[in-house]
Amino acid sequence: MSWISALAELQQQGEPCVLVTIIEEQGSTPRNSGSKMVVTAERIFETIGGGHLEYKAMELAREMLTSRTQQTRLERFSLGASLGQCCGGATVLLFEPMGQPQAHIALFGAGHVGRALIPLLASLPLKVRWVDSRDAEFPAYIPSNVEKVLSDEVVDEVDEMPAGSYFIVMTHNHQLDLELTQAILARDDFAYYGLIGSKTKRVKFEHRLRERGFSAEQMQRMRCPMGLPEVKGKLPAEIAISIAGEIVAQYNAHFGQDTRKGESTVSRLLPDSRRTHTHS
């Protein structure tokens, strides 16, 4: 696949990448100026000449992906013994991050709050899977970055999400909420888990989860009640705004856009003693 086709496909899929371009060549070099290579976390498309130069370029591009920087970068490489290449020339590479990193969210429940929350999530740089077993609960219009998942085995959908995903549970059934909670906490690789409900519901769930072998540290990762305490109200739209605000705070903290001295945005905004939403 050509670099331009790969770039278009990756941008459509929302997968971050780095476009590496030779912008200057001095002396003997393996490729001419303008040659390009697209680097993702796991793949490369096209080439800038191979060898150790290409390896170092891939390494640097993936460091940029890991750090989630959006800043371009220029690097000059001498094609001599230090790179294990005998061209004897030099080349300057431009590294351009492409695409914002996207969080993956699984929202379980298509009830009133779920239907109010989906348009808010769809307006953010997120990829959403909206899961329910009741087809009639889904609205006719589903935003393009939201995948409707109609499933009789709702809990099985937990395993379909990649590591680092966000999970939101607000189904119509407390037993199903518990089964989903167990499956999510057992993964232990999620970025966020929010369960709608009251403090009483949390206490009941923690008791059941302890009986099933979950530790206090595992249960502490569960946000219940969830939502920004500053946003009060009992209407579905008000609850949805509160939850979306918490997601934005967690997203910004996770992607390094709003941290101070190692303290996450969520830990600053959401002390447990101030949580107010007690629905479900």
C-alpha atoms as a PDB file:
ATOM      1  CA  MET A   1       0.000   0.000   0.000  1.00  0.00           C
ATOM      2  CA  SER A   2       1.297   3.472  -0.887  1.00  0.00           C
ATOM      3  CA  TRP A   3       1.993   5.961   1.888  1.00  0.00           C
ATOM      4  CA  ILE A   4      -0.828   8.252   0.770  1.00  0.00           C
ATOM      5  CA  SER A   5      -3.386   5.425   0.694  1.00  0.00           C
ATOM      6  CA  ALA A   6      -2.167   4.201   4.078  1.00  0.00           C
ATOM      7  CA  LEU A   7      -2.402   7.706   5.536  1.00  0.00           C
ATOM      8  CA  ALA A   8      -5.967   8.144   4.265  1.00  0.00           C
ATOM      9  CA  GLU A   9      -7.023   4.752   5.629  1.00  0.00           C
ATOM     10  CA  LEU A  10      -5.414   5.347   9.025  1.00  0.00           C
ATOM     11  CA  GLN A  11      -7.035   8.763   9.349  1.00  0.00           C
ATOM     12  CA  GLN A  12     -10.423   7.285   8.471  1.00  0.00           C
ATOM     13  CA  GLN A  13      -9.924   4.611  11.142  1.00  0.00           C
ATOM     14  CA  GLY A  14      -8.727   7.175  13.680  1.00  0.00           C
ATOM     15  CA  GLU A  15      -5.376   5.406  14.184  1.00  0.00           C
ATOM     16  CA  PRO A  16      -2.497   7.784  15.025  1.00  0.00           C
ATOM     17  CA  CYS A  17       0.634   7.618  12.904  1.00  0.00           C
ATOM     18  CA  VAL A  18       3.760   9.594  12.044  1.00  0.00           C
ATOM     19  CA  LEU A  19       4.585  10.684   8.494  1.00  0.00           C
ATOM     20  CA  VAL A  20       8.358  10.616   7.951  1.00  0.00           C
ATOM     21  CA  THR A  21       9.697  12.632   4.982  1.00  0.00           C
ATOM     22  CA  ILE A  22      13.214  13.101   3.623  1.00  0.00           C
ATOM     23  CA  ILE A  23      13.397  16.879   3.196  1.00  0.00           C
ATOM     24  CA  GLU A  24      17.130  17.264   2.551  1.00  0.00           C
ATOM     25  CA  GLU A  25      19.896  15.040   1.191  1.00  0.00           C
ATOM     26  CA  GLN A  26      23.628  15.698   1.213  1.00  0.00           C
ATOM     27  CA  GLY A  27      26.067  13.520  -0.665  1.00  0.00           C
ATOM     28  CA  SER A  28      25.225   9.888  -1.290  1.00  0.00           C
ATOM     29  CA  THR A  29      21.897   8.790   0.236  1.00  0.00           C
ATOM     30  CA  PRO A  30      19.691   5.711  -0.294  1.00  0.00           C
ATOM     31  CA  ARG A  31      16.578   7.700  -1.249  1.00  0.00           C
ATOM     32  CA  ASN A  32      15.857  11.136  -2.700  1.00  0.00           C
ATOM     33  CA  SER A  33      14.211  14.122  -1.047  1.00  0.00           C
ATOM     34  CA  GLY A  34      10.459  13.769  -0.871  1.00  0.00           C
ATOM     35  CA  SER A  35      10.539  10.047  -0.091  1.00  0.00           C
ATOM     36  CA  LYS A  36       8.024   9.219   2.618  1.00  0.00           C
ATOM     37  CA  MET A  37       7.207   6.513   5.128  1.00  0.00           C
ATOM     38  CA  VAL A  38       4.166   6.146   7.399  1.00  0.00           C
ATOM     39  CA  VAL A  39       4.794   4.636  10.834  1.00  0.00           C
ATOM     40  CA  THR A  40       2.130   3.334  13.224  1.00  0.00           C
ATOM     41  CA  ALA A  41       2.574   1.584  16.564  1.00  0.00           C
ATOM     42  CA  GLU A  42       2.786  -1.784  14.787  1.00  0.00           C
ATOM     43  CA  ARG A  43       3.173  -1.219  11.034  1.00  0.00           C
ATOM     44  CA  ILE A  44       5.094   0.763   8.431  1.00  0.00           C
ATOM     45  CA  PHE A  45       4.117   1.750   4.891  1.00  0.00           C
ATOM     46  CA  GLU A  46       6.626   2.612   2.152  1.00  0.00           C
ATOM     47  CA  THR A  47      10.342   3.138   2.881  1.00  0.00           C
ATOM     48  CA  ILE A  48      12.965   5.846   3.236  1.00  0.00           C
ATOM     49  CA  GLY A  49      15.770   3.521   2.207  1.00  0.00           C
ATOM     50  CA  GLY A  50      15.942   0.709   4.691  1.00  0.00           C
ATOM     51  CA  GLY A  51      18.905  -0.101   6.875  1.00  0.00           C
ATOM     52  CA  HIS A  52      19.713   1.399  10.246  1.00  0.00           C
ATOM     53  CA  LEU A  53      18.529   4.855   9.181  1.00  0.00           C
ATOM     54  CA  GLU A  54      15.031   3.522   8.654  1.00  0.00           C
ATOM     55  CA  TYR A  55      15.208   1.599  11.930  1.00  0.00           C
ATOM     56  CA  LYS A  56      16.191   4.753  13.842  1.00  0.00           C
ATOM     57  CA  ALA A  57      13.429   6.714  12.111  1.00  0.00           C
ATOM     58  CA  MET A  58      10.858   4.068  13.067  1.00  0.00           C
ATOM     59  CA  GLU A  59      12.143   4.061  16.654  1.00  0.00           C
ATOM     60  CA  LEU A  60      11.860   7.833  16.923  1.00  0.00           C
ATOM     61  CA  ALA A  61       8.413   7.890  15.297  1.00  0.00           C
ATOM     62  CA  ARG A  62       7.122   5.291  17.764  1.00  0.00           C
ATOM     63  CA  GLU A  63       8.564   7.248  20.682  1.00  0.00           C
ATOM     64  CA  MET A  64       6.500  10.186  19.428  1.00  0.00           C
ATOM     65  CA  LEU A  65       3.401   7.983  19.226  1.00  0.00           C
ATOM     66  CA  THR A  66       3.963   6.713  22.749  1.00  0.00           C
ATOM     67  CA  SER A  67       4.368  10.245  24.120  1.00  0.00           C
ATOM     68  CA  ARG A  68       1.320  11.368  22.084  1.00  0.00           C
ATOM     69  CA  THR A  69       3.070  14.540  21.012  1.00  0.00           C
ATOM     70  CA  GLN A  70       1.462  16.628  18.280  1.00  0.00           C
ATOM     71  CA  GLN A  71       4.655  18.602  17.590  1.00  0.00           C
ATOM     72  CA  THR A  72       6.596  18.118  14.345  1.00  0.00           C
ATOM     73  CA  ARG A  73      10.299  17.305  14.579  1.00  0.00           C
ATOM     74  CA  LEU A  74      13.381  17.664  12.377  1.00  0.00           C
ATOM     75  CA  GLU A  75      16.330  15.298  12.730  1.00  0.00           C
ATOM     76  CA  ARG A  76      19.639  15.150  10.823  1.00  0.00           C
ATOM     77  CA  PHE A  77      21.340  11.780  10.365  1.00  0.00           C
ATOM     78  CA  SER A  78      24.885  11.195   9.108  1.00  0.00           C
ATOM     79  CA  LEU A  79      24.997   8.043   7.005  1.00  0.00           C
ATOM     80  CA  GLY A  80      28.312   6.773   8.299  1.00  0.00           C
ATOM     81  CA  ALA A  81      29.687   4.166  10.643  1.00  0.00           C
ATOM     82  CA  SER A  82      27.508   5.269  13.576  1.00  0.00           C
ATOM     83  CA  LEU A  83      24.424   4.166  11.628  1.00  0.00           C
ATOM     84  CA  GLY A  84      26.106   1.139  10.113  1.00  0.00           C
ATOM     85  CA  GLN A  85      25.690   2.607   6.616  1.00  0.00           C
ATOM     86  CA  CYS A  86      28.416   3.336   4.106  1.00  0.00           C
ATOM     87  CA  CYS A  87      26.714   5.955   1.938  1.00  0.00           C
ATOM     88  CA  GLY A  88      28.818   8.690   3.474  1.00  0.00           C
ATOM     89  CA  GLY A  89      26.155  11.348   3.022  1.00  0.00           C
ATOM     90  CA  ALA A  90      23.602  12.894   5.350  1.00  0.00           C
ATOM     91  CA  THR A  91      19.875  13.276   5.358  1.00  0.00           C
ATOM     92  CA  VAL A  92      17.339  15.414   7.219  1.00  0.00           C
ATOM     93  CA  LEU A  93      14.029  13.845   8.175  1.00  0.00           C
ATOM     94  CA  LEU A  94      10.770  15.564   9.040  1.00  0.00           C
ATOM     95  CA  PHE A  95       8.508  13.733  11.522  1.00  0.00           C
ATOM     96  CA  GLU A  96       4.847  14.791  11.415  1.00  0.00           C
ATOM     97  CA  PRO A  97       2.344  13.278  13.855  1.00  0.00           C
ATOM     98  CA  MET A  98      -0.969  12.580  12.136  1.00  0.00           C
ATOM     99  CA  GLY A  99      -4.327  12.008  13.776  1.00  0.00           C
ATOM    100  CA  GLN A 100      -5.280  12.547  17.375  1.00  0.00           C
ATOM    101  CA  PRO A 101      -5.178   9.527  19.664  1.00  0.00           C
ATOM    102  CA  GLN A 102      -8.691   8.219  20.174  1.00  0.00           C
ATOM    103  CA  ALA A 103     -10.153   6.598  23.231  1.00  0.00           C
ATOM    104  CA  HIS A 104     -12.346   3.526  22.812  1.00  0.00           C
ATOM    105  CA  ILE A 105     -15.535   3.512  24.872  1.00  0.00           C
ATOM    106  CA  ALA A 106     -18.041   0.753  25.493  1.00  0.00           C
ATOM    107  CA  LEU A 107     -21.387   2.062  26.733  1.00  0.00           C
ATOM    108  CA  PHE A 108     -23.672  -0.671  28.062  1.00  0.00           C
ATOM    109  CA  GLY A 109     -27.309   0.392  28.194  1.00  0.00           C
ATOM    110  CA  ALA A 110     -29.612   2.183  25.751  1.00  0.00           C
ATOM    111  CA  GLY A 111     -32.010   3.604  28.315  1.00  0.00           C
ATOM    112  CA  HIS A 112     -32.873   7.254  28.893  1.00  0.00           C
ATOM    113  CA  VAL A 113     -29.439   8.288  30.198  1.00  0.00           C
ATOM    114  CA  GLY A 114     -27.621   6.258  27.563  1.00  0.00           C
ATOM    115  CA  ARG A 115     -29.602   7.919  24.787  1.00  0.00           C
ATOM    116  CA  ALA A 116     -28.804  11.352  26.271  1.00  0.00           C
ATOM    117  CA  LEU A 117     -25.113  10.507  26.680  1.00  0.00           C
ATOM    118  CA  ILE A 118     -24.402   9.136  23.201  1.00  0.00           C
ATOM    119  CA  PRO A 119     -24.657  12.494  21.322  1.00  0.00           C
ATOM    120  CA  LEU A 120     -22.203  14.026  23.807  1.00  0.00           C
ATOM    121  CA  LEU A 121     -19.702  11.191  23.427  1.00  0.00           C
ATOM    122  CA  ALA A 122     -20.111  11.245  19.649  1.00  0.00           C
ATOM    123  CA  SER A 123     -19.004  14.892  19.573  1.00  0.00           C
ATOM    124  CA  LEU A 124     -15.654  13.983  21.172  1.00  0.00           C
ATOM    125  CA  PRO A 125     -12.591  12.314  19.566  1.00  0.00           C
ATOM    126  CA  LEU A 126     -13.796   8.883  20.657  1.00  0.00           C
ATOM    127  CA  LYS A 127     -14.812   5.566  19.124  1.00  0.00           C
ATOM    128  CA  VAL A 128     -17.918   4.257  20.850  1.00  0.00           C
ATOM    129  CA  ARG A 129     -19.522   0.799  20.964  1.00  0.00           C
ATOM    130  CA  TRP A 130     -23.092   1.068  22.266  1.00  0.00           C
ATOM    131  CA  VAL A 131     -24.291  -2.272  23.573  1.00  0.00           C
ATOM    132  CA  ASP A 132     -27.765  -3.489  24.536  1.00  0.00           C
ATOM    133  CA  SER A 133     -29.907  -6.576  24.058  1.00  0.00           C
ATOM    134  CA  ARG A 134     -33.073  -4.543  23.355  1.00  0.00           C
ATOM    135  CA  ASP A 135     -33.291  -3.357  19.764  1.00  0.00           C
ATOM    136  CA  ALA A 136     -36.311  -1.146  20.444  1.00  0.00           C
ATOM    137  CA  GLU A 137     -34.317   1.006  22.864  1.00  0.00           C
ATOM    138  CA  PHE A 138     -31.896   2.233  20.206  1.00  0.00           C
ATOM    139  CA  PRO A 139     -32.881   5.443  18.375  1.00  0.00           C
ATOM    140  CA  ALA A 140     -33.253   5.495  14.605  1.00  0.00           C
ATOM    141  CA  TYR A 141     -30.193   7.729  14.155  1.00  0.00           C
ATOM    142  CA  ILE A 142     -26.779   6.507  15.356  1.00  0.00           C
ATOM    143  CA  PRO A 143     -23.779   8.881  14.952  1.00  0.00           C
ATOM    144  CA  SER A 144     -21.093   7.737  12.526  1.00  0.00           C
ATOM    145  CA  ASN A 145     -18.436   7.185  15.198  1.00  0.00           C
ATOM    146  CA  VAL A 146     -20.834   5.081  17.300  1.00  0.00           C
ATOM    147  CA  GLU A 147     -21.216   1.361  16.586  1.00  0.00           C
ATOM    148  CA  LYS A 148     -24.563  -0.091  17.594  1.00  0.00           C
ATOM    149  CA  VAL A 149     -24.100  -3.575  19.064  1.00  0.00           C
ATOM    150  CA  LEU A 150     -27.270  -5.612  19.518  1.00  0.00           C
ATOM    151  CA  SER A 151     -26.331  -8.708  21.486  1.00  0.00           C
ATOM    152  CA  ASP A 152     -28.043 -11.339  23.601  1.00  0.00           C
ATOM    153  CA  GLU A 153     -24.680 -12.005  25.264  1.00  0.00           C
ATOM    154  CA  VAL A 154     -23.934  -8.506  26.492  1.00  0.00           C
ATOM    155  CA  VAL A 155     -21.178  -9.518  28.922  1.00  0.00           C
ATOM    156  CA  ASP A 156     -19.193 -11.164  26.104  1.00  0.00           C
ATOM    157  CA  GLU A 157     -18.787  -7.730  24.515  1.00  0.00           C
ATOM    158  CA  VAL A 158     -16.386  -6.713  27.305  1.00  0.00           C
ATOM    159  CA  ASP A 159     -13.695  -8.909  25.751  1.00  0.00           C
ATOM    160  CA  GLU A 160     -14.134  -7.228  22.360  1.00  0.00           C
ATOM    161  CA  MET A 161     -12.629  -3.941  23.605  1.00  0.00           C
ATOM    162  CA  PRO A 162      -8.892  -3.176  23.312  1.00  0.00           C
ATOM    163  CA  ALA A 163      -6.659  -2.561  26.303  1.00  0.00           C
ATOM    164  CA  GLY A 164      -6.929   0.980  27.664  1.00  0.00           C
ATOM    165  CA  SER A 165     -10.634   1.234  26.874  1.00  0.00           C
ATOM    166  CA  TYR A 166     -13.269   3.189  28.765  1.00  0.00           C
ATOM    167  CA  PHE A 167     -16.306   1.306  30.084  1.00  0.00           C
ATOM    168  CA  ILE A 168     -19.647   2.807  31.125  1.00  0.00           C
ATOM    169  CA  VAL A 169     -22.351   0.563  32.560  1.00  0.00           C
ATOM    170  CA  MET A 170     -25.960   1.733  32.912  1.00  0.00           C
ATOM    171  CA  THR A 171     -28.181  -1.192  31.970  1.00  0.00           C
ATOM    172  CA  HIS A 172     -31.769  -1.843  33.009  1.00  0.00           C
ATOM    173  CA  ASN A 173     -30.813  -4.806  35.191  1.00  0.00           C
ATOM    174  CA  HIS A 174     -28.728  -4.740  38.410  1.00  0.00           C
ATOM    175  CA  GLN A 175     -27.655  -8.368  38.026  1.00  0.00           C
ATOM    176  CA  LEU A 176     -26.406  -7.623  34.525  1.00  0.00           C
ATOM    177  CA  ASP A 177     -24.597  -4.559  35.902  1.00  0.00           C
ATOM    178  CA  LEU A 178     -22.872  -6.838  38.422  1.00  0.00           C
ATOM    179  CA  GLU A 179     -21.854  -9.389  35.787  1.00  0.00           C
ATOM    180  CA  LEU A 180     -20.469  -6.611  33.591  1.00  0.00           C
ATOM    181  CA  THR A 181     -18.621  -5.125  36.549  1.00  0.00           C
ATOM    182  CA  GLN A 182     -17.032  -8.479  37.312  1.00  0.00           C
ATOM    183  CA  ALA A 183     -15.920  -8.946  33.690  1.00  0.00           C
ATOM    184  CA  ILE A 184     -14.488  -5.420  33.448  1.00  0.00           C
ATOM    185  CA  LEU A 185     -12.633  -5.466  36.766  1.00  0.00           C
ATOM    186  CA  ALA A 186     -11.216  -8.909  35.933  1.00  0.00           C
ATOM    187  CA  ARG A 187      -9.559  -7.453  32.812  1.00  0.00           C
ATOM    188  CA  ASP A 188      -7.571  -4.923  34.866  1.00  0.00           C
ATOM    189  CA  ASP A 189      -6.354  -3.184  31.690  1.00  0.00           C
ATOM    190  CA  PHE A 190      -8.986  -0.466  31.323  1.00  0.00           C
ATOM    191  CA  ALA A 191      -8.438   3.283  31.519  1.00  0.00           C
ATOM    192  CA  TYR A 192     -11.785   4.023  33.138  1.00  0.00           C
ATOM    193  CA  TYR A 193     -14.811   2.188  34.491  1.00  0.00           C
ATOM    194  CA  GLY A 194     -17.958   4.062  35.511  1.00  0.00           C
ATOM    195  CA  LEU A 195     -21.063   2.407  36.951  1.00  0.00           C
ATOM    196  CA  ILE A 196     -24.270   4.396  37.325  1.00  0.00           C
ATOM    197  CA  GLY A 197     -25.865   4.088  40.729  1.00  0.00           C
ATOM    198  CA  SER A 198     -25.983   5.236  44.344  1.00  0.00           C
ATOM    199  CA  LYS A 199     -23.540   4.783  47.197  1.00  0.00           C
ATOM    200  CA  THR A 200     -25.861   2.067  48.477  1.00  0.00           C
ATOM    201  CA  LYS A 201     -25.546   0.228  45.167  1.00  0.00           C
ATOM    202  CA  ARG A 202     -21.769   0.492  45.403  1.00  0.00           C
ATOM    203  CA  VAL A 203     -21.733  -0.993  48.903  1.00  0.00           C
ATOM    204  CA  LYS A 204     -23.914  -3.911  47.760  1.00  0.00           C
ATOM    205  CA  PHE A 205     -21.744  -4.515  44.707  1.00  0.00           C
ATOM    206  CA  GLU A 206     -18.525  -4.382  46.732  1.00  0.00           C
ATOM    207  CA  HIS A 207     -19.929  -7.003  49.123  1.00  0.00           C
ATOM    208  CA  ARG A 208     -20.807  -9.308  46.211  1.00  0.00           C
ATOM    209  CA  LEU A 209     -17.472  -8.702  44.515  1.00  0.00           C
ATOM    210  CA  ARG A 210     -15.508  -9.494  47.675  1.00  0.00           C
ATOM    211  CA  GLU A 211     -17.340 -12.802  47.845  1.00  0.00           C
ATOM    212  CA  ARG A 212     -16.120 -13.452  44.293  1.00  0.00           C
ATOM    213  CA  GLY A 213     -12.493 -12.777  45.189  1.00  0.00           C
ATOM    214  CA  PHE A 214     -11.987  -9.175  44.112  1.00  0.00           C
ATOM    215  CA  SER A 215      -9.598  -7.057  46.164  1.00  0.00           C
ATOM    216  CA  ALA A 216     -10.194  -3.578  47.593  1.00  0.00           C
ATOM    217  CA  GLU A 217      -7.632  -2.214  45.108  1.00  0.00           C
ATOM    218  CA  GLN A 218      -9.564  -3.657  42.163  1.00  0.00           C
ATOM    219  CA  MET A 219     -12.892  -2.298  43.407  1.00  0.00           C
ATOM    220  CA  GLN A 220     -11.377   1.123  44.025  1.00  0.00           C
ATOM    221  CA  ARG A 221     -10.977   1.503  40.257  1.00  0.00           C
ATOM    222  CA  MET A 222     -14.759   1.437  39.848  1.00  0.00           C
ATOM    223  CA  ARG A 223     -16.367   4.912  39.661  1.00  0.00           C
ATOM    224  CA  CYS A 224     -19.714   4.585  41.385  1.00  0.00           C
ATOM    225  CA  PRO A 225     -21.508   6.904  41.655  1.00  0.00           C
ATOM    226  CA  MET A 226     -20.014   8.453  38.536  1.00  0.00           C
ATOM    227  CA  GLY A 227     -20.194  11.976  37.155  1.00  0.00           C
ATOM    228  CA  LEU A 228     -18.863  15.409  38.043  1.00  0.00           C
ATOM    229  CA  PRO A 229     -20.194  16.471  41.465  1.00  0.00           C
ATOM    230  CA  GLU A 230     -20.365  20.085  40.279  1.00  0.00           C
ATOM    231  CA  VAL A 231     -23.084  19.162  37.759  1.00  0.00           C
ATOM    232  CA  LYS A 232     -26.202  18.398  39.769  1.00  0.00           C
ATOM    233  CA  GLY A 233     -29.611  17.263  38.592  1.00  0.00           C
ATOM    234  CA  LYS A 234     -31.764  14.196  38.020  1.00  0.00           C
ATOM    235  CA  LEU A 235     -32.872  14.648  34.424  1.00  0.00           C
ATOM    236  CA  PRO A 236     -31.259  12.258  31.900  1.00  0.00           C
ATOM    237  CA  ALA A 237     -29.599  15.179  30.100  1.00  0.00           C
ATOM    238  CA  GLU A 238     -28.170  16.532  33.362  1.00  0.00           C
ATOM    239  CA  ILE A 239     -26.794  13.138  34.364  1.00  0.00           C
ATOM    240  CA  ALA A 240     -25.369  12.643  30.863  1.00  0.00           C
ATOM    241  CA  ILE A 241     -23.578  16.009  30.974  1.00  0.00           C
ATOM    242  CA  SER A 242     -22.097  15.132  34.352  1.00  0.00           C
ATOM    243  CA  ILE A 243     -20.833  11.768  33.083  1.00  0.00           C
ATOM    244  CA  ALA A 244     -19.485  13.256  29.842  1.00  0.00           C
ATOM    245  CA  GLY A 245     -17.595  15.839  31.900  1.00  0.00           C
ATOM    246  CA  GLU A 246     -15.938  13.081  33.890  1.00  0.00           C
ATOM    247  CA  ILE A 247     -15.000  11.263  30.682  1.00  0.00           C
ATOM    248  CA  VAL A 248     -13.436  14.431  29.246  1.00  0.00           C
ATOM    249  CA  ALA A 249     -11.455  14.962  32.452  1.00  0.00           C
ATOM    250  CA  GLN A 250     -10.204  11.374  32.388  1.00  0.00           C
ATOM    251  CA  TYR A 251      -9.426  11.543  28.670  1.00  0.00           C
ATOM    252  CA  ASN A 252      -7.384  14.746  29.095  1.00  0.00           C
ATOM    253  CA  ALA A 253      -5.503  13.295  32.041  1.00  0.00           C
ATOM    254  CA  HIS A 254      -4.832  10.026  30.211  1.00  0.00           C
ATOM    255  CA  PHE A 255      -3.505  11.746  27.105  1.00  0.00           C
ATOM    256  CA  GLY A 256      -1.374  14.219  29.051  1.00  0.00           C
ATOM    257  CA  GLN A 257      -3.346  17.364  28.198  1.00  0.00           C
ATOM    258  CA  ASP A 258      -4.172  18.449  31.757  1.00  0.00           C
ATOM    259  CA  THR A 259      -1.967  17.181  34.548  1.00  0.00           C
ATOM    260  CA  ARG A 260      -0.254  19.042  37.361  1.00  0.00           C
ATOM    261  CA  LYS A 261       2.630  17.543  39.360  1.00  0.00           C
ATOM    262  CA  GLY A 262       1.543  13.999  38.563  1.00  0.00           C
ATOM    263  CA  GLU A 263      -2.012  14.548  39.825  1.00  0.00           C
ATOM    264  CA  SER A 264      -4.715  13.560  37.382  1.00  0.00           C
ATOM    265  CA  THR A 265      -7.620  15.780  36.463  1.00  0.00           C
ATOM    266  CA  VAL A 266     -10.071  13.189  37.713  1.00  0.00           C
ATOM    267  CA  SER A 267      -8.429  12.928  41.127  1.00  0.00           C
ATOM    268  CA  ARG A 268      -8.656  16.702  41.485  1.00  0.00           C
ATOM    269  CA  LEU A 269     -12.268  17.007  40.355  1.00  0.00           C
ATOM    270  CA  LEU A 270     -13.812  13.880  41.792  1.00  0.00           C
ATOM    271  CA  PRO A 271     -13.112  13.355  45.490  1.00  0.00           C
ATOM    272  CA  ASP A 272     -15.311  10.452  46.620  1.00  0.00           C
ATOM    273  CA  SER A 273     -16.865  12.464  49.444  1.00  0.00           C
ATOM    274  CA  ARG A 274     -18.387  14.960  46.987  1.00  0.00           C
ATOM    275  CA  ARG A 275     -20.082  12.614  44.524  1.00  0.00           C
ATOM    276  CA  THR A 276     -23.746  13.414  44.162  1.00  0.00           C
ATOM    277  CA  HIS A 277     -25.423  11.380  41.374  1.00  0.00           C
ATOM    278  CA  THR A 278     -27.335   8.506  42.932  1.00  0.00           C
ATOM    279  CA  HIS A 279     -29.493   7.214  40.099  1.00  0.00           C
ATOM    280  CA  SER A 280     -30.303   3.624  39.202  1.00  0.00           C
END
